[in-house]
Amino acid sequence: MRDYASIDELICLANLENLNSVFINYGLTQAERLERLNKIAISQIKILSENNIKYLNYK
């Protein structure tokens, strides 16, 4: 799957992997981690997409 992911998706995935390990250390359950990571992923993809649109419009 990573072979077909965009740069934004790969950045988001790397961030989520790191956050997941932090959440595991905090003792969160799998359900709690999934809920938090899903919200974070949606937020990060929106932010990265908006930044790309602004960058493309800047040129």
PDB file of N, CA and C in Angstrom:
ATOM      1  N   MET A   1       0.805  -1.194   0.000  1.00  0.00           N
ATOM      2  CA  MET A   1       0.000   0.000   0.000  1.00  0.00           C
ATOM      3  C   MET A   1       0.854   1.267   0.000  1.00  0.00           C
ATOM      4  N   ARG A   2       1.962   1.213   0.686  1.00  0.00           N
ATOM      5  CA  ARG A   2       2.821   2.401   0.748  1.00  0.00           C
ATOM      6  C   ARG A   2       3.340   2.794  -0.626  1.00  0.00           C
ATOM      7  N   ASP A   3       3.458   1.824  -1.507  1.00  0.00           N
ATOM      8  CA  ASP A   3       3.943   2.127  -2.855  1.00  0.00           C
ATOM      9  C   ASP A   3       2.993   3.054  -3.610  1.00  0.00           C
ATOM     10  N   TYR A   4       1.727   3.056  -3.240  1.00  0.00           N
ATOM     11  CA  TYR A   4       0.720   3.846  -3.943  1.00  0.00           C
ATOM     12  C   TYR A   4       0.270   5.073  -3.155  1.00  0.00           C
ATOM     13  N   ALA A   5       0.847   5.286  -1.987  1.00  0.00           N
ATOM     14  CA  ALA A   5       0.451   6.411  -1.138  1.00  0.00           C
ATOM     15  C   ALA A   5       1.128   7.697  -1.609  1.00  0.00           C
ATOM     16  N   SER A   6       0.423   8.801  -1.401  1.00  0.00           N
ATOM     17  CA  SER A   6       0.997  10.111  -1.723  1.00  0.00           C
ATOM     18  C   SER A   6       1.978  10.517  -0.615  1.00  0.00           C
ATOM     19  N   ILE A   7       2.736  11.567  -0.879  1.00  0.00           N
ATOM     20  CA  ILE A   7       3.667  12.084   0.127  1.00  0.00           C
ATOM     21  C   ILE A   7       2.907  12.478   1.389  1.00  0.00           C
ATOM     22  N   ASP A   8       1.772  13.139   1.223  1.00  0.00           N
ATOM     23  CA  ASP A   8       0.961  13.543   2.373  1.00  0.00           C
ATOM     24  C   ASP A   8       0.528  12.338   3.192  1.00  0.00           C
ATOM     25  N   GLU A   9       0.105  11.303   2.517  1.00  0.00           N
ATOM     26  CA  GLU A   9      -0.346  10.089   3.218  1.00  0.00           C
ATOM     27  C   GLU A   9       0.808   9.399   3.934  1.00  0.00           C
ATOM     28  N   LEU A  10       1.978   9.402   3.333  1.00  0.00           N
ATOM     29  CA  LEU A  10       3.139   8.798   3.979  1.00  0.00           C
ATOM     30  C   LEU A  10       3.569   9.584   5.215  1.00  0.00           C
ATOM     31  N   ILE A  11       3.516  10.904   5.118  1.00  0.00           N
ATOM     32  CA  ILE A  11       3.844  11.748   6.273  1.00  0.00           C
ATOM     33  C   ILE A  11       2.853  11.479   7.401  1.00  0.00           C
ATOM     34  N   CYS A  12       1.586  11.457   7.052  1.00  0.00           N
ATOM     35  CA  CYS A  12       0.538  11.209   8.038  1.00  0.00           C
ATOM     36  C   CYS A  12       0.724   9.833   8.678  1.00  0.00           C
ATOM     37  N   LEU A  13       1.011   8.832   7.874  1.00  0.00           N
ATOM     38  CA  LEU A  13       1.193   7.477   8.383  1.00  0.00           C
ATOM     39  C   LEU A  13       2.367   7.401   9.351  1.00  0.00           C
ATOM     40  N   ALA A  14       3.465   8.044   9.017  1.00  0.00           N
ATOM     41  CA  ALA A  14       4.626   8.056   9.919  1.00  0.00           C
ATOM     42  C   ALA A  14       4.273   8.709  11.246  1.00  0.00           C
ATOM     43  N   ASN A  15       3.533   9.818  11.185  1.00  0.00           N
ATOM     44  CA  ASN A  15       3.099  10.486  12.415  1.00  0.00           C
ATOM     45  C   ASN A  15       2.187   9.584  13.243  1.00  0.00           C
ATOM     46  N   LEU A  16       1.268   8.903  12.579  1.00  0.00           N
ATOM     47  CA  LEU A  16       0.333   8.030  13.288  1.00  0.00           C
ATOM     48  C   LEU A  16       1.049   6.853  13.939  1.00  0.00           C
ATOM     49  N   GLU A  17       2.041   6.319  13.273  1.00  0.00           N
ATOM     50  CA  GLU A  17       2.809   5.214  13.856  1.00  0.00           C
ATOM     51  C   GLU A  17       3.506   5.658  15.132  1.00  0.00           C
ATOM     52  N   ASN A  18       4.081   6.855  15.112  1.00  0.00           N
ATOM     53  CA  ASN A  18       4.746   7.385  16.306  1.00  0.00           C
ATOM     54  C   ASN A  18       3.751   7.645  17.422  1.00  0.00           C
ATOM     55  N   LEU A  19       2.635   8.247  17.076  1.00  0.00           N
ATOM     56  CA  LEU A  19       1.619   8.528  18.089  1.00  0.00           C
ATOM     57  C   LEU A  19       1.048   7.239  18.670  1.00  0.00           C
ATOM     58  N   ASN A  20       0.872   6.232  17.853  1.00  0.00           N
ATOM     59  CA  ASN A  20       0.353   4.964  18.341  1.00  0.00           C
ATOM     60  C   ASN A  20       1.276   4.383  19.414  1.00  0.00           C
ATOM     61  N   SER A  21       2.580   4.461  19.201  1.00  0.00           N
ATOM     62  CA  SER A  21       3.503   3.941  20.210  1.00  0.00           C
ATOM     63  C   SER A  21       3.436   4.749  21.503  1.00  0.00           C
ATOM     64  N   VAL A  22       3.243   6.057  21.382  1.00  0.00           N
ATOM     65  CA  VAL A  22       3.082   6.898  22.576  1.00  0.00           C
ATOM     66  C   VAL A  22       1.800   6.504  23.314  1.00  0.00           C
ATOM     67  N   PHE A  23       0.716   6.326  22.574  1.00  0.00           N
ATOM     68  CA  PHE A  23      -0.560   5.952  23.180  1.00  0.00           C
ATOM     69  C   PHE A  23      -0.474   4.581  23.850  1.00  0.00           C
ATOM     70  N   ILE A  24       0.271   3.661  23.257  1.00  0.00           N
ATOM     71  CA  ILE A  24       0.468   2.348  23.880  1.00  0.00           C
ATOM     72  C   ILE A  24       1.193   2.509  25.211  1.00  0.00           C
ATOM     73  N   ASN A  25       2.224   3.357  25.230  1.00  0.00           N
ATOM     74  CA  ASN A  25       2.956   3.609  26.483  1.00  0.00           C
ATOM     75  C   ASN A  25       2.075   4.254  27.545  1.00  0.00           C
ATOM     76  N   TYR A  26       1.084   5.032  27.120  1.00  0.00           N
ATOM     77  CA  TYR A  26       0.142   5.642  28.056  1.00  0.00           C
ATOM     78  C   TYR A  26      -0.869   4.632  28.576  1.00  0.00           C
ATOM     79  N   GLY A  27      -0.921   3.461  27.962  1.00  0.00           N
ATOM     80  CA  GLY A  27      -1.842   2.419  28.409  1.00  0.00           C
ATOM     81  C   GLY A  27      -3.233   2.512  27.808  1.00  0.00           C
ATOM     82  N   LEU A  28      -3.390   3.228  26.702  1.00  0.00           N
ATOM     83  CA  LEU A  28      -4.702   3.333  26.069  1.00  0.00           C
ATOM     84  C   LEU A  28      -5.068   1.994  25.419  1.00  0.00           C
ATOM     85  N   THR A  29      -6.343   1.692  25.412  1.00  0.00           N
ATOM     86  CA  THR A  29      -6.805   0.465  24.766  1.00  0.00           C
ATOM     87  C   THR A  29      -6.738   0.634  23.256  1.00  0.00           C
ATOM     88  N   GLN A  30      -6.874  -0.477  22.557  1.00  0.00           N
ATOM     89  CA  GLN A  30      -6.844  -0.420  21.094  1.00  0.00           C
ATOM     90  C   GLN A  30      -7.988   0.441  20.560  1.00  0.00           C
ATOM     91  N   ALA A  31      -9.154   0.326  21.163  1.00  0.00           N
ATOM     92  CA  ALA A  31     -10.312   1.122  20.724  1.00  0.00           C
ATOM     93  C   ALA A  31     -10.064   2.610  20.931  1.00  0.00           C
ATOM     94  N   GLU A  32      -9.485   2.967  22.077  1.00  0.00           N
ATOM     95  CA  GLU A  32      -9.183   4.376  22.354  1.00  0.00           C
ATOM     96  C   GLU A  32      -8.136   4.912  21.377  1.00  0.00           C
ATOM     97  N   ARG A  33      -7.117   4.105  21.123  1.00  0.00           N
ATOM     98  CA  ARG A  33      -6.077   4.526  20.181  1.00  0.00           C
ATOM     99  C   ARG A  33      -6.648   4.710  18.789  1.00  0.00           C
ATOM    100  N   LEU A  34      -7.467   3.770  18.357  1.00  0.00           N
ATOM    101  CA  LEU A  34      -8.059   3.845  17.021  1.00  0.00           C
ATOM    102  C   LEU A  34      -8.895   5.106  16.861  1.00  0.00           C
ATOM    103  N   GLU A  35      -9.696   5.423  17.856  1.00  0.00           N
ATOM    104  CA  GLU A  35     -10.544   6.617  17.794  1.00  0.00           C
ATOM    105  C   GLU A  35      -9.689   7.880  17.694  1.00  0.00           C
ATOM    106  N   ARG A  36      -8.686   7.991  18.543  1.00  0.00           N
ATOM    107  CA  ARG A  36      -7.820   9.175  18.533  1.00  0.00           C
ATOM    108  C   ARG A  36      -7.020   9.282  17.233  1.00  0.00           C
ATOM    109  N   LEU A  37      -6.449   8.155  16.810  1.00  0.00           N
ATOM    110  CA  LEU A  37      -5.629   8.169  15.601  1.00  0.00           C
ATOM    111  C   LEU A  37      -6.459   8.508  14.364  1.00  0.00           C
ATOM    112  N   ASN A  38      -7.694   8.034  14.326  1.00  0.00           N
ATOM    113  CA  ASN A  38      -8.565   8.346  13.198  1.00  0.00           C
ATOM    114  C   ASN A  38      -8.835   9.848  13.120  1.00  0.00           C
ATOM    115  N   LYS A  39      -9.134  10.466  14.251  1.00  0.00           N
ATOM    116  CA  LYS A  39      -9.383  11.910  14.276  1.00  0.00           C
ATOM    117  C   LYS A  39      -8.131  12.688  13.865  1.00  0.00           C
ATOM    118  N   ILE A  40      -6.987  12.251  14.361  1.00  0.00           N
ATOM    119  CA  ILE A  40      -5.729  12.916  14.028  1.00  0.00           C
ATOM    120  C   ILE A  40      -5.422  12.770  12.543  1.00  0.00           C
ATOM    121  N   ALA A  41      -5.647  11.577  11.997  1.00  0.00           N
ATOM    122  CA  ALA A  41      -5.378  11.340  10.572  1.00  0.00           C
ATOM    123  C   ALA A  41      -6.229  12.251   9.700  1.00  0.00           C
ATOM    124  N   ILE A  42      -7.487  12.362  10.011  1.00  0.00           N
ATOM    125  CA  ILE A  42      -8.383  13.230   9.237  1.00  0.00           C
ATOM    126  C   ILE A  42      -7.892  14.668   9.298  1.00  0.00           C
ATOM    127  N   SER A  43      -7.531  15.113  10.485  1.00  0.00           N
ATOM    128  CA  SER A  43      -7.054  16.484  10.664  1.00  0.00           C
ATOM    129  C   SER A  43      -5.761  16.731   9.892  1.00  0.00           C
ATOM    130  N   GLN A  44      -4.819  15.807   9.993  1.00  0.00           N
ATOM    131  CA  GLN A  44      -3.531  15.994   9.323  1.00  0.00           C
ATOM    132  C   GLN A  44      -3.673  15.996   7.806  1.00  0.00           C
ATOM    133  N   ILE A  45      -4.471  15.110   7.273  1.00  0.00           N
ATOM    134  CA  ILE A  45      -4.658  15.061   5.819  1.00  0.00           C
ATOM    135  C   ILE A  45      -5.299  16.364   5.329  1.00  0.00           C
ATOM    136  N   LYS A  46      -6.269  16.879   6.076  1.00  0.00           N
ATOM    137  CA  LYS A  46      -6.887  18.159   5.698  1.00  0.00           C
ATOM    138  C   LYS A  46      -5.852  19.280   5.686  1.00  0.00           C
ATOM    139  N   ILE A  47      -5.034  19.338   6.720  1.00  0.00           N
ATOM    140  CA  ILE A  47      -4.020  20.388   6.825  1.00  0.00           C
ATOM    141  C   ILE A  47      -2.994  20.266   5.699  1.00  0.00           C
ATOM    142  N   LEU A  48      -2.516  19.051   5.468  1.00  0.00           N
ATOM    143  CA  LEU A  48      -1.521  18.855   4.415  1.00  0.00           C
ATOM    144  C   LEU A  48      -2.097  19.169   3.038  1.00  0.00           C
ATOM    145  N   SER A  49      -3.335  18.798   2.813  1.00  0.00           N
ATOM    146  CA  SER A  49      -3.971  19.077   1.523  1.00  0.00           C
ATOM    147  C   SER A  49      -4.158  20.571   1.318  1.00  0.00           C
ATOM    148  N   GLU A  50      -4.589  21.269   2.349  1.00  0.00           N
ATOM    149  CA  GLU A  50      -4.775  22.719   2.258  1.00  0.00           C
ATOM    150  C   GLU A  50      -3.448  23.416   1.970  1.00  0.00           C
ATOM    151  N   ASN A  51      -2.393  22.958   2.629  1.00  0.00           N
ATOM    152  CA  ASN A  51      -1.081  23.567   2.399  1.00  0.00           C
ATOM    153  C   ASN A  51      -0.612  23.338   0.979  1.00  0.00           C
ATOM    154  N   ASN A  52      -0.876  22.177   0.416  1.00  0.00           N
ATOM    155  CA  ASN A  52      -0.487  21.899  -0.965  1.00  0.00           C
ATOM    156  C   ASN A  52      -1.259  22.783  -1.936  1.00  0.00           C
ATOM    157  N   ILE A  53      -2.529  22.989  -1.680  1.00  0.00           N
ATOM    158  CA  ILE A  53      -3.342  23.840  -2.557  1.00  0.00           C
ATOM    159  C   ILE A  53      -2.819  25.278  -2.498  1.00  0.00           C
ATOM    160  N   LYS A  54      -2.502  25.768  -1.299  1.00  0.00           N
ATOM    161  CA  LYS A  54      -1.972  27.122  -1.164  1.00  0.00           C
ATOM    162  C   LYS A  54      -0.640  27.237  -1.888  1.00  0.00           C
ATOM    163  N   TYR A  55       0.191  26.218  -1.761  1.00  0.00           N
ATOM    164  CA  TYR A  55       1.501  26.233  -2.424  1.00  0.00           C
ATOM    165  C   TYR A  55       1.344  26.237  -3.938  1.00  0.00           C
ATOM    166  N   LEU A  56       0.453  25.421  -4.440  1.00  0.00           N
ATOM    167  CA  LEU A  56       0.251  25.354  -5.886  1.00  0.00           C
ATOM    168  C   LEU A  56      -0.333  26.663  -6.431  1.00  0.00           C
ATOM    169  N   ASN A  57      -1.189  27.298  -5.670  1.00  0.00           N
ATOM    170  CA  ASN A  57      -1.774  28.562  -6.105  1.00  0.00           C
ATOM    171  C   ASN A  57      -0.774  29.719  -6.003  1.00  0.00           C
ATOM    172  N   TYR A  58       0.224  29.560  -5.168  1.00  0.00           N
ATOM    173  CA  TYR A  58       1.225  30.608  -4.971  1.00  0.00           C
ATOM    174  C   TYR A  58       2.080  30.801  -6.206  1.00  0.00           C
ATOM    175  N   LYS A  59       2.382  29.730  -6.898  1.00  0.00           N
ATOM    176  CA  LYS A  59       3.304  29.808  -8.052  1.00  0.00           C
ATOM    177  C   LYS A  59       2.720  30.526  -9.186  1.00  0.00           C
TER     178      LYS A  59
END
